Amino acid sequence: MKRIKLYLQEAYNELVLKVSWPTKQELTSSAIIVMVSSLICALIVFGMDYIFKNIVTFIYKLFI
C-alpha cells in the first residue's frame, strides 16, 4: 500500500511540476493543423478510391 501511495504522489508531482502544458492558443493551432491534415488525407483516399473504382468498372465492362 505504501508503494502505491508513493507512486501516486510521484505521478502527481510530475504532472503538476515537471510537465509543460501547452497554452490554449498552442492547443488550438495544433488541433486545427490535425483537422486540416486529416481532411487532406481523407480527400486523397476518396480520390484514389474513385479512380480505382472507375478503372475496375471499365475493365469489367470490357470482359462482360
N, C-alpha and C. Protein backbone atom coordinates (compact mmCIF):
# COMPACT_ATOMS: atom_id res chain seq x y z
N MET A 1 0.82 -1.19 0.00
CA MET A 1 0.00 0.00 0.00
C MET A 1 0.87 1.26 0.00
N LYS A 2 1.99 1.18 0.68
CA LYS A 2 2.89 2.32 0.75
C LYS A 2 3.47 2.65 -0.62
N ARG A 3 3.76 1.59 -1.40
CA ARG A 3 4.33 1.80 -2.74
C ARG A 3 3.32 2.46 -3.66
N ILE A 4 2.07 2.09 -3.53
CA ILE A 4 1.02 2.69 -4.37
C ILE A 4 0.88 4.18 -4.04
N LYS A 5 0.89 4.50 -2.75
CA LYS A 5 0.78 5.90 -2.34
C LYS A 5 1.96 6.71 -2.85
N LEU A 6 3.16 6.14 -2.75
CA LEU A 6 4.36 6.82 -3.25
C LEU A 6 4.28 7.03 -4.76
N TYR A 7 3.82 6.00 -5.47
CA TYR A 7 3.67 6.10 -6.93
C TYR A 7 2.70 7.22 -7.30
N LEU A 8 1.57 7.27 -6.63
CA LEU A 8 0.57 8.29 -6.94
C LEU A 8 1.09 9.70 -6.62
N GLN A 9 1.82 9.85 -5.53
CA GLN A 9 2.40 11.15 -5.19
C GLN A 9 3.42 11.58 -6.23
N GLU A 10 4.28 10.65 -6.66
CA GLU A 10 5.29 10.98 -7.66
C GLU A 10 4.65 11.31 -9.01
N ALA A 11 3.62 10.56 -9.37
CA ALA A 11 2.92 10.84 -10.62
C ALA A 11 2.27 12.22 -10.58
N TYR A 12 1.64 12.54 -9.47
CA TYR A 12 1.00 13.85 -9.32
C TYR A 12 2.04 14.97 -9.40
N ASN A 13 3.14 14.82 -8.66
CA ASN A 13 4.19 15.83 -8.67
C ASN A 13 4.77 16.03 -10.07
N GLU A 14 4.93 14.94 -10.80
CA GLU A 14 5.48 15.07 -12.15
C GLU A 14 4.50 15.80 -13.07
N LEU A 15 3.22 15.45 -12.98
CA LEU A 15 2.22 16.10 -13.83
C LEU A 15 2.04 17.57 -13.49
N VAL A 16 2.16 17.93 -12.22
CA VAL A 16 1.92 19.31 -11.81
C VAL A 16 3.18 20.16 -11.96
N LEU A 17 4.33 19.62 -11.59
CA LEU A 17 5.54 20.43 -11.50
C LEU A 17 6.48 20.32 -12.69
N LYS A 18 6.53 19.16 -13.35
CA LYS A 18 7.55 18.94 -14.37
C LYS A 18 7.04 19.01 -15.81
N VAL A 19 5.77 18.75 -16.00
CA VAL A 19 5.21 18.75 -17.35
C VAL A 19 4.91 20.17 -17.77
N SER A 20 5.30 20.52 -18.99
CA SER A 20 4.95 21.84 -19.50
C SER A 20 3.72 21.68 -20.41
N TRP A 21 2.60 22.16 -19.93
CA TRP A 21 1.36 22.02 -20.66
C TRP A 21 1.26 23.12 -21.71
N PRO A 22 0.67 22.81 -22.87
CA PRO A 22 0.54 23.84 -23.92
C PRO A 22 -0.49 24.89 -23.52
N THR A 23 -0.31 26.07 -24.08
CA THR A 23 -1.29 27.12 -23.85
C THR A 23 -2.52 26.85 -24.70
N LYS A 24 -3.58 27.59 -24.44
CA LYS A 24 -4.82 27.40 -25.20
C LYS A 24 -4.59 27.71 -26.68
N GLN A 25 -3.79 28.73 -26.96
CA GLN A 25 -3.51 29.10 -28.35
C GLN A 25 -2.69 28.00 -29.05
N GLU A 26 -1.70 27.45 -28.38
CA GLU A 26 -0.91 26.36 -28.98
C GLU A 26 -1.77 25.14 -29.23
N LEU A 27 -2.63 24.83 -28.27
CA LEU A 27 -3.51 23.67 -28.41
C LEU A 27 -4.50 23.86 -29.55
N THR A 28 -5.04 25.06 -29.69
CA THR A 28 -5.98 25.35 -30.77
C THR A 28 -5.30 25.24 -32.13
N SER A 29 -4.11 25.81 -32.26
CA SER A 29 -3.43 25.76 -33.55
C SER A 29 -3.03 24.33 -33.90
N SER A 30 -2.63 23.55 -32.91
CA SER A 30 -2.30 22.14 -33.17
C SER A 30 -3.53 21.36 -33.61
N ALA A 31 -4.66 21.62 -32.98
CA ALA A 31 -5.90 20.93 -33.33
C ALA A 31 -6.32 21.28 -34.75
N ILE A 32 -6.17 22.54 -35.14
CA ILE A 32 -6.52 22.96 -36.50
C ILE A 32 -5.62 22.27 -37.51
N ILE A 33 -4.33 22.18 -37.21
CA ILE A 33 -3.40 21.51 -38.12
C ILE A 33 -3.78 20.05 -38.29
N VAL A 34 -4.14 19.39 -37.20
CA VAL A 34 -4.54 17.97 -37.27
C VAL A 34 -5.81 17.81 -38.09
N MET A 35 -6.79 18.70 -37.90
CA MET A 35 -8.05 18.59 -38.65
C MET A 35 -7.83 18.82 -40.14
N VAL A 36 -7.02 19.80 -40.50
CA VAL A 36 -6.75 20.08 -41.91
C VAL A 36 -5.98 18.91 -42.53
N SER A 37 -4.99 18.38 -41.83
CA SER A 37 -4.23 17.24 -42.34
C SER A 37 -5.13 16.03 -42.54
N SER A 38 -6.03 15.79 -41.59
CA SER A 38 -6.96 14.66 -41.70
C SER A 38 -7.89 14.84 -42.89
N LEU A 39 -8.36 16.05 -43.11
CA LEU A 39 -9.23 16.32 -44.25
C LEU A 39 -8.50 16.09 -45.57
N ILE A 40 -7.26 16.55 -45.65
CA ILE A 40 -6.47 16.35 -46.87
C ILE A 40 -6.26 14.87 -47.13
N CYS A 41 -5.91 14.11 -46.09
CA CYS A 41 -5.71 12.66 -46.25
C CYS A 41 -7.01 11.99 -46.69
N ALA A 42 -8.13 12.39 -46.10
CA ALA A 42 -9.42 11.81 -46.47
C ALA A 42 -9.75 12.11 -47.92
N LEU A 43 -9.47 13.32 -48.38
CA LEU A 43 -9.74 13.67 -49.78
C LEU A 43 -8.85 12.88 -50.73
N ILE A 44 -7.60 12.66 -50.36
CA ILE A 44 -6.69 11.87 -51.19
C ILE A 44 -7.19 10.43 -51.29
N VAL A 45 -7.59 9.84 -50.16
CA VAL A 45 -8.10 8.47 -50.17
C VAL A 45 -9.39 8.39 -50.98
N PHE A 46 -10.27 9.37 -50.84
CA PHE A 46 -11.50 9.40 -51.61
C PHE A 46 -11.20 9.46 -53.11
N GLY A 47 -10.26 10.32 -53.50
CA GLY A 47 -9.90 10.43 -54.92
C GLY A 47 -9.32 9.14 -55.47
N MET A 48 -8.43 8.51 -54.70
CA MET A 48 -7.84 7.24 -55.15
C MET A 48 -8.92 6.17 -55.28
N ASP A 49 -9.85 6.11 -54.31
CA ASP A 49 -10.93 5.13 -54.36
C ASP A 49 -11.82 5.36 -55.58
N TYR A 50 -12.12 6.60 -55.87
CA TYR A 50 -12.96 6.94 -57.02
C TYR A 50 -12.28 6.53 -58.33
N ILE A 51 -11.00 6.82 -58.43
CA ILE A 51 -10.25 6.48 -59.65
C ILE A 51 -10.17 4.97 -59.84
N PHE A 52 -9.82 4.24 -58.77
CA PHE A 52 -9.71 2.79 -58.89
C PHE A 52 -11.05 2.13 -59.15
N LYS A 53 -12.12 2.69 -58.59
CA LYS A 53 -13.45 2.15 -58.85
C LYS A 53 -13.78 2.28 -60.33
N ASN A 54 -13.47 3.43 -60.92
CA ASN A 54 -13.75 3.64 -62.34
C ASN A 54 -12.87 2.73 -63.20
N ILE A 55 -11.63 2.53 -62.83
CA ILE A 55 -10.74 1.64 -63.60
C ILE A 55 -11.28 0.21 -63.56
N VAL A 56 -11.65 -0.27 -62.37
CA VAL A 56 -12.16 -1.64 -62.24
C VAL A 56 -13.48 -1.79 -63.00
N THR A 57 -14.35 -0.80 -62.92
CA THR A 57 -15.61 -0.85 -63.64
C THR A 57 -15.35 -0.90 -65.16
N PHE A 58 -14.41 -0.13 -65.64
CA PHE A 58 -14.06 -0.13 -67.06
C PHE A 58 -13.54 -1.51 -67.49
N ILE A 59 -12.67 -2.10 -66.69
CA ILE A 59 -12.11 -3.42 -67.02
C ILE A 59 -13.20 -4.48 -67.02
N TYR A 60 -14.14 -4.45 -66.05
CA TYR A 60 -15.23 -5.41 -66.01
C TYR A 60 -16.12 -5.27 -67.24
N LYS A 61 -16.38 -4.03 -67.67
CA LYS A 61 -17.24 -3.83 -68.83
C LYS A 61 -16.60 -4.35 -70.11
N LEU A 62 -15.27 -4.37 -70.17
CA LEU A 62 -14.59 -4.92 -71.34
C LEU A 62 -14.81 -6.41 -71.51
N PHE A 63 -14.89 -7.14 -70.39
CA PHE A 63 -14.96 -8.58 -70.44
C PHE A 63 -16.36 -9.13 -70.24
N ILE A 64 -17.34 -8.27 -70.04
CA ILE A 64 -18.72 -8.77 -69.85
C ILE A 64 -19.54 -8.49 -71.07
